[in-house]
Amino acid sequence: MSRKVDEWIGKTPDTPAPPRVRLRVFERHGGICYLSGRKIGAGDKWQLEHPLALINGGENRESNLAPALVDPHKVKTAEDVKQKAKNDRVRKRHLGIKKPRTIRAWRKFDGTIVHAERER
């Protein structure tokens, strides 16, 4: 019977997990990549991945870590950043911080300029 080990919690979001935590996370997932489902071999490069990304409200703790191969991890990180940027844009628009771009004037094919206040 093994003893209970306290969950590791990073002091800051940038705190890397120590090797003992990396090993526990790897063994908890059975050595399988969280993203691709592929078995992580001895020579494969892998990283600890946050299933709930830190930029999307996740915490830097052992329960929010999973092993992931480098290539799928890069793809997921890019998707997380893309989603965060979209959330920020939508939030700014809903709070009225950034107004939507509107066309105030445009040019007709004959060269005349039409202003938004007038009828098209």
PDB file of N, CA and C in Angstrom:
ATOM      1  N   MET A   1       0.848  -1.172   0.000  1.00  0.00           N
ATOM      2  CA  MET A   1       0.000   0.000   0.000  1.00  0.00           C
ATOM      3  C   MET A   1       0.893   1.233   0.000  1.00  0.00           C
ATOM      4  N   SER A   2       0.643   2.136  -0.933  1.00  0.00           N
ATOM      5  CA  SER A   2       1.479   3.332  -1.022  1.00  0.00           C
ATOM      6  C   SER A   2       0.907   4.445  -0.155  1.00  0.00           C
ATOM      7  N   ARG A   3       1.778   5.347   0.180  1.00  0.00           N
ATOM      8  CA  ARG A   3       1.334   6.448   1.032  1.00  0.00           C
ATOM      9  C   ARG A   3       0.755   7.570   0.176  1.00  0.00           C
ATOM     10  N   LYS A   4      -0.030   8.399   0.787  1.00  0.00           N
ATOM     11  CA  LYS A   4      -0.660   9.525   0.107  1.00  0.00           C
ATOM     12  C   LYS A   4       0.366  10.635  -0.085  1.00  0.00           C
ATOM     13  N   VAL A   5       0.443  11.169  -1.311  1.00  0.00           N
ATOM     14  CA  VAL A   5       1.368  12.256  -1.622  1.00  0.00           C
ATOM     15  C   VAL A   5       0.540  13.500  -1.913  1.00  0.00           C
ATOM     16  N   ASP A   6       0.917  14.612  -1.312  1.00  0.00           N
ATOM     17  CA  ASP A   6       0.208  15.862  -1.554  1.00  0.00           C
ATOM     18  C   ASP A   6       0.378  16.295  -3.005  1.00  0.00           C
ATOM     19  N   GLU A   7      -0.673  16.920  -3.533  1.00  0.00           N
ATOM     20  CA  GLU A   7      -0.623  17.405  -4.904  1.00  0.00           C
ATOM     21  C   GLU A   7       0.345  18.574  -5.004  1.00  0.00           C
ATOM     22  N   TRP A   8       1.141  18.573  -6.076  1.00  0.00           N
ATOM     23  CA  TRP A   8       2.070  19.670  -6.319  1.00  0.00           C
ATOM     24  C   TRP A   8       1.299  20.850  -6.907  1.00  0.00           C
ATOM     25  N   ILE A   9       1.568  22.048  -6.381  1.00  0.00           N
ATOM     26  CA  ILE A   9       0.971  23.279  -6.894  1.00  0.00           C
ATOM     27  C   ILE A   9       2.103  24.259  -7.132  1.00  0.00           C
ATOM     28  N   GLY A  10       2.203  24.789  -8.361  1.00  0.00           N
ATOM     29  CA  GLY A  10       3.253  25.750  -8.690  1.00  0.00           C
ATOM     30  C   GLY A  10       3.019  27.069  -7.979  1.00  0.00           C
ATOM     31  N   LYS A  11       4.109  27.686  -7.522  1.00  0.00           N
ATOM     32  CA  LYS A  11       3.972  28.970  -6.822  1.00  0.00           C
ATOM     33  C   LYS A  11       3.540  30.078  -7.768  1.00  0.00           C
ATOM     34  N   THR A  12       3.983  30.000  -9.025  1.00  0.00           N
ATOM     35  CA  THR A  12       3.590  30.966 -10.050  1.00  0.00           C
ATOM     36  C   THR A  12       3.180  30.182 -11.293  1.00  0.00           C
ATOM     37  N   PRO A  13       2.521  30.819 -12.249  1.00  0.00           N
ATOM     38  CA  PRO A  13       2.182  30.115 -13.493  1.00  0.00           C
ATOM     39  C   PRO A  13       3.413  29.670 -14.289  1.00  0.00           C
ATOM     40  N   ASP A  14       4.556  30.315 -14.057  1.00  0.00           N
ATOM     41  CA  ASP A  14       5.771  29.968 -14.791  1.00  0.00           C
ATOM     42  C   ASP A  14       6.616  28.908 -14.094  1.00  0.00           C
ATOM     43  N   THR A  15       6.243  28.484 -12.913  1.00  0.00           N
ATOM     44  CA  THR A  15       7.038  27.510 -12.173  1.00  0.00           C
ATOM     45  C   THR A  15       6.990  26.155 -12.878  1.00  0.00           C
ATOM     46  N   PRO A  16       8.148  25.627 -13.306  1.00  0.00           N
ATOM     47  CA  PRO A  16       8.136  24.309 -13.952  1.00  0.00           C
ATOM     48  C   PRO A  16       7.943  23.202 -12.919  1.00  0.00           C
ATOM     49  N   ALA A  17       7.313  22.138 -13.351  1.00  0.00           N
ATOM     50  CA  ALA A  17       7.107  20.995 -12.457  1.00  0.00           C
ATOM     51  C   ALA A  17       8.433  20.274 -12.247  1.00  0.00           C
ATOM     52  N   PRO A  18       8.740  19.885 -11.014  1.00  0.00           N
ATOM     53  CA  PRO A  18       9.983  19.154 -10.760  1.00  0.00           C
ATOM     54  C   PRO A  18       9.926  17.749 -11.375  1.00  0.00           C
ATOM     55  N   PRO A  19      11.096  17.116 -11.528  1.00  0.00           N
ATOM     56  CA  PRO A  19      11.140  15.779 -12.143  1.00  0.00           C
ATOM     57  C   PRO A  19      10.250  14.742 -11.448  1.00  0.00           C
ATOM     58  N   ARG A  20      10.116  14.804 -10.137  1.00  0.00           N
ATOM     59  CA  ARG A  20       9.276  13.830  -9.429  1.00  0.00           C
ATOM     60  C   ARG A  20       7.812  13.974  -9.836  1.00  0.00           C
ATOM     61  N   VAL A  21       7.375  15.209 -10.096  1.00  0.00           N
ATOM     62  CA  VAL A  21       5.992  15.446 -10.518  1.00  0.00           C
ATOM     63  C   VAL A  21       5.812  15.000 -11.964  1.00  0.00           C
ATOM     64  N   ARG A  22       6.817  15.276 -12.816  1.00  0.00           N
ATOM     65  CA  ARG A  22       6.757  14.819 -14.212  1.00  0.00           C
ATOM     66  C   ARG A  22       6.580  13.301 -14.257  1.00  0.00           C
ATOM     67  N   LEU A  23       7.323  12.598 -13.409  1.00  0.00           N
ATOM     68  CA  LEU A  23       7.236  11.137 -13.370  1.00  0.00           C
ATOM     69  C   LEU A  23       5.852  10.684 -12.906  1.00  0.00           C
ATOM     70  N   ARG A  24       5.312  11.320 -11.869  1.00  0.00           N
ATOM     71  CA  ARG A  24       3.980  10.942 -11.374  1.00  0.00           C
ATOM     72  C   ARG A  24       2.910  11.169 -12.435  1.00  0.00           C
ATOM     73  N   VAL A  25       2.989  12.303 -13.144  1.00  0.00           N
ATOM     74  CA  VAL A  25       1.999  12.610 -14.182  1.00  0.00           C
ATOM     75  C   VAL A  25       2.122  11.603 -15.325  1.00  0.00           C
ATOM     76  N   PHE A  26       3.365  11.302 -15.721  1.00  0.00           N
ATOM     77  CA  PHE A  26       3.607  10.346 -16.801  1.00  0.00           C
ATOM     78  C   PHE A  26       3.024   8.979 -16.439  1.00  0.00           C
ATOM     79  N   GLU A  27       3.275   8.520 -15.229  1.00  0.00           N
ATOM     80  CA  GLU A  27       2.777   7.210 -14.795  1.00  0.00           C
ATOM     81  C   GLU A  27       1.257   7.208 -14.618  1.00  0.00           C
ATOM     82  N   ARG A  28       0.693   8.313 -14.160  1.00  0.00           N
ATOM     83  CA  ARG A  28      -0.760   8.393 -13.977  1.00  0.00           C
ATOM     84  C   ARG A  28      -1.489   8.221 -15.311  1.00  0.00           C
ATOM     85  N   HIS A  29      -0.890   8.726 -16.395  1.00  0.00           N
ATOM     86  CA  HIS A  29      -1.505   8.623 -17.722  1.00  0.00           C
ATOM     87  C   HIS A  29      -1.023   7.393 -18.486  1.00  0.00           C
ATOM     88  N   GLY A  30      -0.230   6.558 -17.851  1.00  0.00           N
ATOM     89  CA  GLY A  30       0.216   5.320 -18.484  1.00  0.00           C
ATOM     90  C   GLY A  30       1.191   5.529 -19.628  1.00  0.00           C
ATOM     91  N   GLY A  31       1.869   6.663 -19.650  1.00  0.00           N
ATOM     92  CA  GLY A  31       2.838   6.929 -20.714  1.00  0.00           C
ATOM     93  C   GLY A  31       2.203   7.194 -22.063  1.00  0.00           C
ATOM     94  N   ILE A  32       0.953   7.623 -22.072  1.00  0.00           N
ATOM     95  CA  ILE A  32       0.239   7.880 -23.324  1.00  0.00           C
ATOM     96  C   ILE A  32       0.024   9.378 -23.481  1.00  0.00           C
ATOM     97  N   CYS A  33       0.260   9.855 -24.711  1.00  0.00           N
ATOM     98  CA  CYS A  33       0.087  11.282 -25.013  1.00  0.00           C
ATOM     99  C   CYS A  33      -1.375  11.659 -24.801  1.00  0.00           C
ATOM    100  N   TYR A  34      -1.595  12.705 -24.054  1.00  0.00           N
ATOM    101  CA  TYR A  34      -2.947  13.177 -23.734  1.00  0.00           C
ATOM    102  C   TYR A  34      -3.681  13.653 -24.988  1.00  0.00           C
ATOM    103  N   LEU A  35      -2.951  14.200 -25.964  1.00  0.00           N
ATOM    104  CA  LEU A  35      -3.581  14.795 -27.139  1.00  0.00           C
ATOM    105  C   LEU A  35      -3.757  13.811 -28.293  1.00  0.00           C
ATOM    106  N   SER A  36      -2.726  13.020 -28.580  1.00  0.00           N
ATOM    107  CA  SER A  36      -2.794  12.133 -29.742  1.00  0.00           C
ATOM    108  C   SER A  36      -3.170  10.700 -29.381  1.00  0.00           C
ATOM    109  N   GLY A  37      -3.053  10.323 -28.117  1.00  0.00           N
ATOM    110  CA  GLY A  37      -3.355   8.962 -27.713  1.00  0.00           C
ATOM    111  C   GLY A  37      -2.244   7.979 -28.039  1.00  0.00           C
ATOM    112  N   ARG A  38      -1.125   8.481 -28.511  1.00  0.00           N
ATOM    113  CA  ARG A  38       0.006   7.638 -28.889  1.00  0.00           C
ATOM    114  C   ARG A  38       0.879   7.335 -27.679  1.00  0.00           C
ATOM    115  N   LYS A  39       1.436   6.142 -27.638  1.00  0.00           N
ATOM    116  CA  LYS A  39       2.353   5.755 -26.561  1.00  0.00           C
ATOM    117  C   LYS A  39       3.633   6.568 -26.705  1.00  0.00           C
ATOM    118  N   ILE A  40       4.110   7.143 -25.613  1.00  0.00           N
ATOM    119  CA  ILE A  40       5.337   7.932 -25.623  1.00  0.00           C
ATOM    120  C   ILE A  40       6.505   6.979 -25.423  1.00  0.00           C
ATOM    121  N   GLY A  41       7.373   6.903 -26.437  1.00  0.00           N
ATOM    122  CA  GLY A  41       8.517   6.002 -26.392  1.00  0.00           C
ATOM    123  C   GLY A  41       9.688   6.623 -25.656  1.00  0.00           C
ATOM    124  N   ALA A  42      10.747   5.823 -25.502  1.00  0.00           N
ATOM    125  CA  ALA A  42      11.928   6.267 -24.758  1.00  0.00           C
ATOM    126  C   ALA A  42      12.618   7.449 -25.428  1.00  0.00           C
ATOM    127  N   GLY A  43      12.646   7.497 -26.750  1.00  0.00           N
ATOM    128  CA  GLY A  43      13.338   8.581 -27.447  1.00  0.00           C
ATOM    129  C   GLY A  43      12.442   9.742 -27.841  1.00  0.00           C
ATOM    130  N   ASP A  44      11.159   9.641 -27.579  1.00  0.00           N
ATOM    131  CA  ASP A  44      10.223  10.704 -27.968  1.00  0.00           C
ATOM    132  C   ASP A  44      10.355  11.903 -27.041  1.00  0.00           C
ATOM    133  N   LYS A  45      10.271  13.087 -27.630  1.00  0.00           N
ATOM    134  CA  LYS A  45      10.293  14.309 -26.833  1.00  0.00           C
ATOM    135  C   LYS A  45       8.853  14.610 -26.413  1.00  0.00           C
ATOM    136  N   TRP A  46       8.675  14.857 -25.123  1.00  0.00           N
ATOM    137  CA  TRP A  46       7.347  15.161 -24.609  1.00  0.00           C
ATOM    138  C   TRP A  46       7.435  16.277 -23.583  1.00  0.00           C
ATOM    139  N   GLN A  47       6.304  16.904 -23.351  1.00  0.00           N
ATOM    140  CA  GLN A  47       6.214  18.012 -22.404  1.00  0.00           C
ATOM    141  C   GLN A  47       4.982  17.808 -21.535  1.00  0.00           C
ATOM    142  N   LEU A  48       4.957  18.515 -20.429  1.00  0.00           N
ATOM    143  CA  LEU A  48       3.745  18.520 -19.616  1.00  0.00           C
ATOM    144  C   LEU A  48       2.801  19.568 -20.191  1.00  0.00           C
ATOM    145  N   GLU A  49       1.564  19.186 -20.368  1.00  0.00           N
ATOM    146  CA  GLU A  49       0.569  20.030 -21.001  1.00  0.00           C
ATOM    147  C   GLU A  49      -0.538  20.322 -20.003  1.00  0.00           C
ATOM    148  N   HIS A  50      -1.078  21.527 -20.047  1.00  0.00           N
ATOM    149  CA  HIS A  50      -2.211  21.888 -19.191  1.00  0.00           C
ATOM    150  C   HIS A  50      -3.501  21.658 -19.982  1.00  0.00           C
ATOM    151  N   PRO A  51      -4.295  20.633 -19.654  1.00  0.00           N
ATOM    152  CA  PRO A  51      -5.559  20.426 -20.373  1.00  0.00           C
ATOM    153  C   PRO A  51      -6.449  21.669 -20.355  1.00  0.00           C
ATOM    154  N   LEU A  52      -6.545  22.333 -19.229  1.00  0.00           N
ATOM    155  CA  LEU A  52      -7.214  23.633 -19.167  1.00  0.00           C
ATOM    156  C   LEU A  52      -6.092  24.663 -19.132  1.00  0.00           C
ATOM    157  N   ALA A  53      -5.862  25.296 -20.279  1.00  0.00           N
ATOM    158  CA  ALA A  53      -4.707  26.182 -20.447  1.00  0.00           C
ATOM    159  C   ALA A  53      -4.680  27.282 -19.393  1.00  0.00           C
ATOM    160  N   LEU A  54      -3.466  27.662 -19.014  1.00  0.00           N
ATOM    161  CA  LEU A  54      -3.296  28.718 -18.015  1.00  0.00           C
ATOM    162  C   LEU A  54      -3.925  30.021 -18.492  1.00  0.00           C
ATOM    163  N   ILE A  55      -3.799  30.332 -19.792  1.00  0.00           N
ATOM    164  CA  ILE A  55      -4.356  31.593 -20.292  1.00  0.00           C
ATOM    165  C   ILE A  55      -5.877  31.567 -20.344  1.00  0.00           C
ATOM    166  N   ASN A  56      -6.459  30.380 -20.260  1.00  0.00           N
ATOM    167  CA  ASN A  56      -7.918  30.265 -20.263  1.00  0.00           C
ATOM    168  C   ASN A  56      -8.476  29.950 -18.879  1.00  0.00           C
ATOM    169  N   GLY A  57      -7.687  30.236 -17.837  1.00  0.00           N
ATOM    170  CA  GLY A  57      -8.183  30.089 -16.477  1.00  0.00           C
ATOM    171  C   GLY A  57      -7.736  28.838 -15.744  1.00  0.00           C
ATOM    172  N   GLY A  58      -6.876  28.036 -16.347  1.00  0.00           N
ATOM    173  CA  GLY A  58      -6.381  26.833 -15.682  1.00  0.00           C
ATOM    174  C   GLY A  58      -5.359  27.168 -14.607  1.00  0.00           C
ATOM    175  N   GLU A  59      -5.072  26.197 -13.764  1.00  0.00           N
ATOM    176  CA  GLU A  59      -4.111  26.394 -12.680  1.00  0.00           C
ATOM    177  C   GLU A  59      -2.865  25.569 -12.942  1.00  0.00           C
ATOM    178  N   ASN A  60      -1.747  26.038 -12.398  1.00  0.00           N
ATOM    179  CA  ASN A  60      -0.480  25.321 -12.526  1.00  0.00           C
ATOM    180  C   ASN A  60      -0.368  24.347 -11.358  1.00  0.00           C
ATOM    181  N   ARG A  61      -1.084  23.232 -11.478  1.00  0.00           N
ATOM    182  CA  ARG A  61      -1.076  22.227 -10.424  1.00  0.00           C
ATOM    183  C   ARG A  61      -1.058  20.845 -11.061  1.00  0.00           C
ATOM    184  N   GLU A  62      -0.700  19.863 -10.269  1.00  0.00           N
ATOM    185  CA  GLU A  62      -0.519  18.498 -10.772  1.00  0.00           C
ATOM    186  C   GLU A  62      -1.788  17.929 -11.404  1.00  0.00           C
ATOM    187  N   SER A  63      -2.939  18.236 -10.867  1.00  0.00           N
ATOM    188  CA  SER A  63      -4.184  17.694 -11.419  1.00  0.00           C
ATOM    189  C   SER A  63      -4.530  18.300 -12.779  1.00  0.00           C
ATOM    190  N   ASN A  64      -3.887  19.401 -13.147  1.00  0.00           N
ATOM    191  CA  ASN A  64      -4.120  20.041 -14.441  1.00  0.00           C
ATOM    192  C   ASN A  64      -2.920  19.830 -15.363  1.00  0.00           C
ATOM    193  N   LEU A  65      -2.214  18.736 -15.204  1.00  0.00           N
ATOM    194  CA  LEU A  65      -1.066  18.420 -16.054  1.00  0.00           C
ATOM    195  C   LEU A  65      -1.271  17.064 -16.712  1.00  0.00           C
ATOM    196  N   ALA A  66      -0.790  16.952 -17.953  1.00  0.00           N
ATOM    197  CA  ALA A  66      -0.858  15.691 -18.683  1.00  0.00           C
ATOM    198  C   ALA A  66       0.322  15.635 -19.640  1.00  0.00           C
ATOM    199  N   PRO A  67       0.854  14.434 -19.907  1.00  0.00           N
ATOM    200  CA  PRO A  67       1.963  14.332 -20.854  1.00  0.00           C
ATOM    201  C   PRO A  67       1.463  14.495 -22.286  1.00  0.00           C
ATOM    202  N   ALA A  68       2.260  15.204 -23.103  1.00  0.00           N
ATOM    203  CA  ALA A  68       1.900  15.402 -24.505  1.00  0.00           C
ATOM    204  C   ALA A  68       3.159  15.437 -25.348  1.00  0.00           C
ATOM    205  N   LEU A  69       3.092  14.806 -26.507  1.00  0.00           N
ATOM    206  CA  LEU A  69       4.202  14.882 -27.447  1.00  0.00           C
ATOM    207  C   LEU A  69       4.342  16.319 -27.928  1.00  0.00           C
ATOM    208  N   VAL A  70       5.553  16.701 -28.340  1.00  0.00           N
ATOM    209  CA  VAL A  70       5.850  18.103 -28.646  1.00  0.00           C
ATOM    210  C   VAL A  70       4.989  18.641 -29.794  1.00  0.00           C
ATOM    211  N   ASP A  71       4.870  17.897 -30.902  1.00  0.00           N
ATOM    212  CA  ASP A  71       4.126  18.416 -32.057  1.00  0.00           C
ATOM    213  C   ASP A  71       2.638  18.637 -31.766  1.00  0.00           C
ATOM    214  N   PRO A  72       1.920  17.660 -31.194  1.00  0.00           N
ATOM    215  CA  PRO A  72       0.518  17.938 -30.854  1.00  0.00           C
ATOM    216  C   PRO A  72       0.371  19.047 -29.808  1.00  0.00           C
ATOM    217  N   HIS A  73       1.364  19.163 -28.926  1.00  0.00           N
ATOM    218  CA  HIS A  73       1.307  20.204 -27.898  1.00  0.00           C
ATOM    219  C   HIS A  73       1.401  21.587 -28.528  1.00  0.00           C
ATOM    220  N   LYS A  74       2.264  21.741 -29.545  1.00  0.00           N
ATOM    221  CA  LYS A  74       2.375  23.032 -30.238  1.00  0.00           C
ATOM    222  C   LYS A  74       1.053  23.409 -30.896  1.00  0.00           C
ATOM    223  N   VAL A  75       0.400  22.428 -31.511  1.00  0.00           N
ATOM    224  CA  VAL A  75      -0.879  22.689 -32.181  1.00  0.00           C
ATOM    225  C   VAL A  75      -1.930  23.132 -31.164  1.00  0.00           C
ATOM    226  N   LYS A  76      -2.016  22.428 -30.029  1.00  0.00           N
ATOM    227  CA  LYS A  76      -3.018  22.788 -29.017  1.00  0.00           C
ATOM    228  C   LYS A  76      -2.737  24.153 -28.412  1.00  0.00           C
ATOM    229  N   THR A  77      -1.453  24.459 -28.186  1.00  0.00           N
ATOM    230  CA  THR A  77      -1.101  25.765 -27.632  1.00  0.00           C
ATOM    231  C   THR A  77      -1.527  26.879 -28.583  1.00  0.00           C
ATOM    232  N   ALA A  78      -1.302  26.682 -29.884  1.00  0.00           N
ATOM    233  CA  ALA A  78      -1.725  27.681 -30.871  1.00  0.00           C
ATOM    234  C   ALA A  78      -3.246  27.852 -30.847  1.00  0.00           C
ATOM    235  N   GLU A  79      -3.976  26.759 -30.709  1.00  0.00           N
ATOM    236  CA  GLU A  79      -5.440  26.844 -30.633  1.00  0.00           C
ATOM    237  C   GLU A  79      -5.887  27.566 -29.362  1.00  0.00           C
ATOM    238  N   ASP A  80      -5.194  27.310 -28.250  1.00  0.00           N
ATOM    239  CA  ASP A  80      -5.527  27.987 -26.991  1.00  0.00           C
ATOM    240  C   ASP A  80      -5.321  29.492 -27.105  1.00  0.00           C
ATOM    241  N   VAL A  81      -4.211  29.902 -27.719  1.00  0.00           N
ATOM    242  CA  VAL A  81      -3.919  31.328 -27.884  1.00  0.00           C
ATOM    243  C   VAL A  81      -4.952  31.965 -28.809  1.00  0.00           C
ATOM    244  N   LYS A  82      -5.308  31.256 -29.868  1.00  0.00           N
ATOM    245  CA  LYS A  82      -6.319  31.759 -30.806  1.00  0.00           C
ATOM    246  C   LYS A  82      -7.664  31.955 -30.098  1.00  0.00           C
ATOM    247  N   GLN A  83      -8.055  30.980 -29.290  1.00  0.00           N
ATOM    248  CA  GLN A  83      -9.325  31.077 -28.561  1.00  0.00           C
ATOM    249  C   GLN A  83      -9.303  32.225 -27.555  1.00  0.00           C
ATOM    250  N   LYS A  84      -8.179  32.408 -26.853  1.00  0.00           N
ATOM    251  CA  LYS A  84      -8.061  33.497 -25.883  1.00  0.00           C
ATOM    252  C   LYS A  84      -8.173  34.851 -26.579  1.00  0.00           C
ATOM    253  N   ALA A  85      -7.527  34.991 -27.739  1.00  0.00           N
ATOM    254  CA  ALA A  85      -7.596  36.251 -28.481  1.00  0.00           C
ATOM    255  C   ALA A  85      -9.031  36.543 -28.914  1.00  0.00           C
ATOM    256  N   LYS A  86      -9.733  35.516 -29.376  1.00  0.00           N
ATOM    257  CA  LYS A  86     -11.120  35.722 -29.792  1.00  0.00           C
ATOM    258  C   LYS A  86     -11.993  36.100 -28.595  1.00  0.00           C
ATOM    259  N   ASN A  87     -11.792  35.421 -27.465  1.00  0.00           N
ATOM    260  CA  ASN A  87     -12.561  35.750 -26.261  1.00  0.00           C
ATOM    261  C   ASN A  87     -12.332  37.202 -25.851  1.00  0.00           C
ATOM    262  N   ASP A  88     -11.082  37.657 -25.939  1.00  0.00           N
ATOM    263  CA  ASP A  88     -10.770  39.044 -25.582  1.00  0.00           C
ATOM    264  C   ASP A  88     -11.441  40.028 -26.534  1.00  0.00           C
ATOM    265  N   ARG A  89     -11.420  39.718 -27.844  1.00  0.00           N
ATOM    266  CA  ARG A  89     -12.063  40.608 -28.820  1.00  0.00           C
ATOM    267  C   ARG A  89     -13.559  40.708 -28.563  1.00  0.00           C
ATOM    268  N   VAL A  90     -14.203  39.571 -28.336  1.00  0.00           N
ATOM    269  CA  VAL A  90     -15.652  39.563 -28.096  1.00  0.00           C
ATOM    270  C   VAL A  90     -15.975  40.307 -26.806  1.00  0.00           C
ATOM    271  N   ARG A  91     -15.174  40.084 -25.769  1.00  0.00           N
ATOM    272  CA  ARG A  91     -15.411  40.753 -24.484  1.00  0.00           C
ATOM    273  C   ARG A  91     -15.281  42.266 -24.619  1.00  0.00           C
ATOM    274  N   LYS A  92     -14.254  42.732 -25.344  1.00  0.00           N
ATOM    275  CA  LYS A  92     -14.085  44.175 -25.549  1.00  0.00           C
ATOM    276  C   LYS A  92     -15.274  44.758 -26.297  1.00  0.00           C
ATOM    277  N   ARG A  93     -15.737  44.029 -27.311  1.00  0.00           N
ATOM    278  CA  ARG A  93     -16.868  44.529 -28.085  1.00  0.00           C
ATOM    279  C   ARG A  93     -18.121  44.590 -27.215  1.00  0.00           C
ATOM    280  N   HIS A  94     -18.352  43.583 -26.392  1.00  0.00           N
ATOM    281  CA  HIS A  94     -19.549  43.561 -25.548  1.00  0.00           C
ATOM    282  C   HIS A  94     -19.501  44.616 -24.446  1.00  0.00           C
ATOM    283  N   LEU A  95     -18.297  44.940 -23.975  1.00  0.00           N
ATOM    284  CA  LEU A  95     -18.157  45.965 -22.944  1.00  0.00           C
ATOM    285  C   LEU A  95     -18.094  47.377 -23.526  1.00  0.00           C
ATOM    286  N   GLY A  96     -18.064  47.485 -24.851  1.00  0.00           N
ATOM    287  CA  GLY A  96     -18.019  48.789 -25.499  1.00  0.00           C
ATOM    288  C   GLY A  96     -16.645  49.423 -25.511  1.00  0.00           C
ATOM    289  N   ILE A  97     -15.603  48.643 -25.228  1.00  0.00           N
ATOM    290  CA  ILE A  97     -14.245  49.185 -25.226  1.00  0.00           C
ATOM    291  C   ILE A  97     -13.769  49.421 -26.648  1.00  0.00           C
ATOM    292  N   LYS A  98     -14.099  48.528 -27.541  1.00  0.00           N
ATOM    293  CA  LYS A  98     -13.696  48.673 -28.934  1.00  0.00           C
ATOM    294  C   LYS A  98     -14.951  48.698 -29.788  1.00  0.00           C
ATOM    295  N   LYS A  99     -15.128  49.768 -30.508  1.00  0.00           N
ATOM    296  CA  LYS A  99     -16.284  49.912 -31.375  1.00  0.00           C
ATOM    297  C   LYS A  99     -16.049  49.148 -32.678  1.00  0.00           C
ATOM    298  N   PRO A 100     -17.091  48.592 -33.256  1.00  0.00           N
ATOM    299  CA  PRO A 100     -16.917  47.916 -34.536  1.00  0.00           C
ATOM    300  C   PRO A 100     -16.586  48.922 -35.629  1.00  0.00           C
ATOM    301  N   ARG A 101     -15.751  48.499 -36.558  1.00  0.00           N
ATOM    302  CA  ARG A 101     -15.389  49.384 -37.667  1.00  0.00           C
ATOM    303  C   ARG A 101     -16.588  49.535 -38.590  1.00  0.00           C
ATOM    304  N   THR A 102     -16.900  50.763 -38.936  1.00  0.00           N
ATOM    305  CA  THR A 102     -17.984  51.016 -39.875  1.00  0.00           C
ATOM    306  C   THR A 102     -17.442  51.825 -41.034  1.00  0.00           C
ATOM    307  N   ILE A 103     -18.027  51.637 -42.173  1.00  0.00           N
ATOM    308  CA  ILE A 103     -17.610  52.371 -43.365  1.00  0.00           C
ATOM    309  C   ILE A 103     -18.366  53.696 -43.374  1.00  0.00           C
ATOM    310  N   ARG A 104     -17.624  54.793 -43.296  1.00  0.00           N
ATOM    311  CA  ARG A 104     -18.234  56.127 -43.263  1.00  0.00           C
ATOM    312  C   ARG A 104     -18.491  56.664 -44.668  1.00  0.00           C
ATOM    313  N   ALA A 105     -17.637  56.303 -45.608  1.00  0.00           N
ATOM    314  CA  ALA A 105     -17.799  56.781 -46.983  1.00  0.00           C
ATOM    315  C   ALA A 105     -17.235  55.731 -47.929  1.00  0.00           C
ATOM    316  N   TRP A 106     -17.754  55.707 -49.132  1.00  0.00           N
ATOM    317  CA  TRP A 106     -17.242  54.779 -50.134  1.00  0.00           C
ATOM    318  C   TRP A 106     -17.343  55.432 -51.499  1.00  0.00           C
ATOM    319  N   ARG A 107     -16.652  54.847 -52.455  1.00  0.00           N
ATOM    320  CA  ARG A 107     -16.595  55.406 -53.798  1.00  0.00           C
ATOM    321  C   ARG A 107     -17.397  54.518 -54.739  1.00  0.00           C
ATOM    322  N   LYS A 108     -18.261  55.159 -55.549  1.00  0.00           N
ATOM    323  CA  LYS A 108     -19.022  54.423 -56.553  1.00  0.00           C
ATOM    324  C   LYS A 108     -18.122  54.126 -57.748  1.00  0.00           C
ATOM    325  N   PHE A 109     -18.618  53.298 -58.657  1.00  0.00           N
ATOM    326  CA  PHE A 109     -17.825  52.945 -59.832  1.00  0.00           C
ATOM    327  C   PHE A 109     -17.564  54.148 -60.731  1.00  0.00           C
ATOM    328  N   ASP A 110     -18.449  55.132 -60.719  1.00  0.00           N
ATOM    329  CA  ASP A 110     -18.224  56.313 -61.559  1.00  0.00           C
ATOM    330  C   ASP A 110     -17.295  57.323 -60.897  1.00  0.00           C
ATOM    331  N   GLY A 111     -16.823  57.045 -59.673  1.00  0.00           N
ATOM    332  CA  GLY A 111     -15.849  57.906 -59.008  1.00  0.00           C
ATOM    333  C   GLY A 111     -16.432  58.844 -57.971  1.00  0.00           C
ATOM    334  N   THR A 112     -17.741  58.954 -57.881  1.00  0.00           N
ATOM    335  CA  THR A 112     -18.332  59.851 -56.893  1.00  0.00           C
ATOM    336  C   THR A 112     -18.267  59.220 -55.503  1.00  0.00           C
ATOM    337  N   ILE A 113     -18.106  60.073 -54.506  1.00  0.00           N
ATOM    338  CA  ILE A 113     -18.001  59.610 -53.123  1.00  0.00           C
ATOM    339  C   ILE A 113     -19.362  59.723 -52.460  1.00  0.00           C
ATOM    340  N   VAL A 114     -19.769  58.671 -51.790  1.00  0.00           N
ATOM    341  CA  VAL A 114     -21.043  58.632 -51.091  1.00  0.00           C
ATOM    342  C   VAL A 114     -20.737  58.554 -49.602  1.00  0.00           C
ATOM    343  N   HIS A 115     -21.359  59.431 -48.807  1.00  0.00           N
ATOM    344  CA  HIS A 115     -21.157  59.433 -47.357  1.00  0.00           C
ATOM    345  C   HIS A 115     -22.245  58.614 -46.678  1.00  0.00           C
ATOM    346  N   ALA A 116     -21.964  58.096 -45.517  1.00  0.00           N
ATOM    347  CA  ALA A 116     -22.874  57.194 -44.813  1.00  0.00           C
ATOM    348  C   ALA A 116     -24.161  57.886 -44.396  1.00  0.00           C
ATOM    349  N   GLU A 117     -24.142  59.202 -44.207  1.00  0.00           N
ATOM    350  CA  GLU A 117     -25.337  59.908 -43.767  1.00  0.00           C
ATOM    351  C   GLU A 117     -26.396  59.962 -44.868  1.00  0.00           C
ATOM    352  N   ARG A 118     -25.977  59.859 -46.103  1.00  0.00           N
ATOM    353  CA  ARG A 118     -26.909  59.933 -47.231  1.00  0.00           C
ATOM    354  C   ARG A 118     -27.399  58.542 -47.607  1.00  0.00           C
ATOM    355  N   GLU A 119     -28.460  58.514 -48.381  1.00  0.00           N
ATOM    356  CA  GLU A 119     -28.944  57.234 -48.885  1.00  0.00           C
ATOM    357  C   GLU A 119     -27.998  56.721 -49.956  1.00  0.00           C
ATOM    358  N   ARG A 120     -27.902  55.436 -50.049  1.00  0.00           N
ATOM    359  CA  ARG A 120     -27.007  54.845 -51.049  1.00  0.00           C
ATOM    360  C   ARG A 120     -27.614  54.969 -52.367  1.00  0.00           C
TER     361      ARG A 120
END
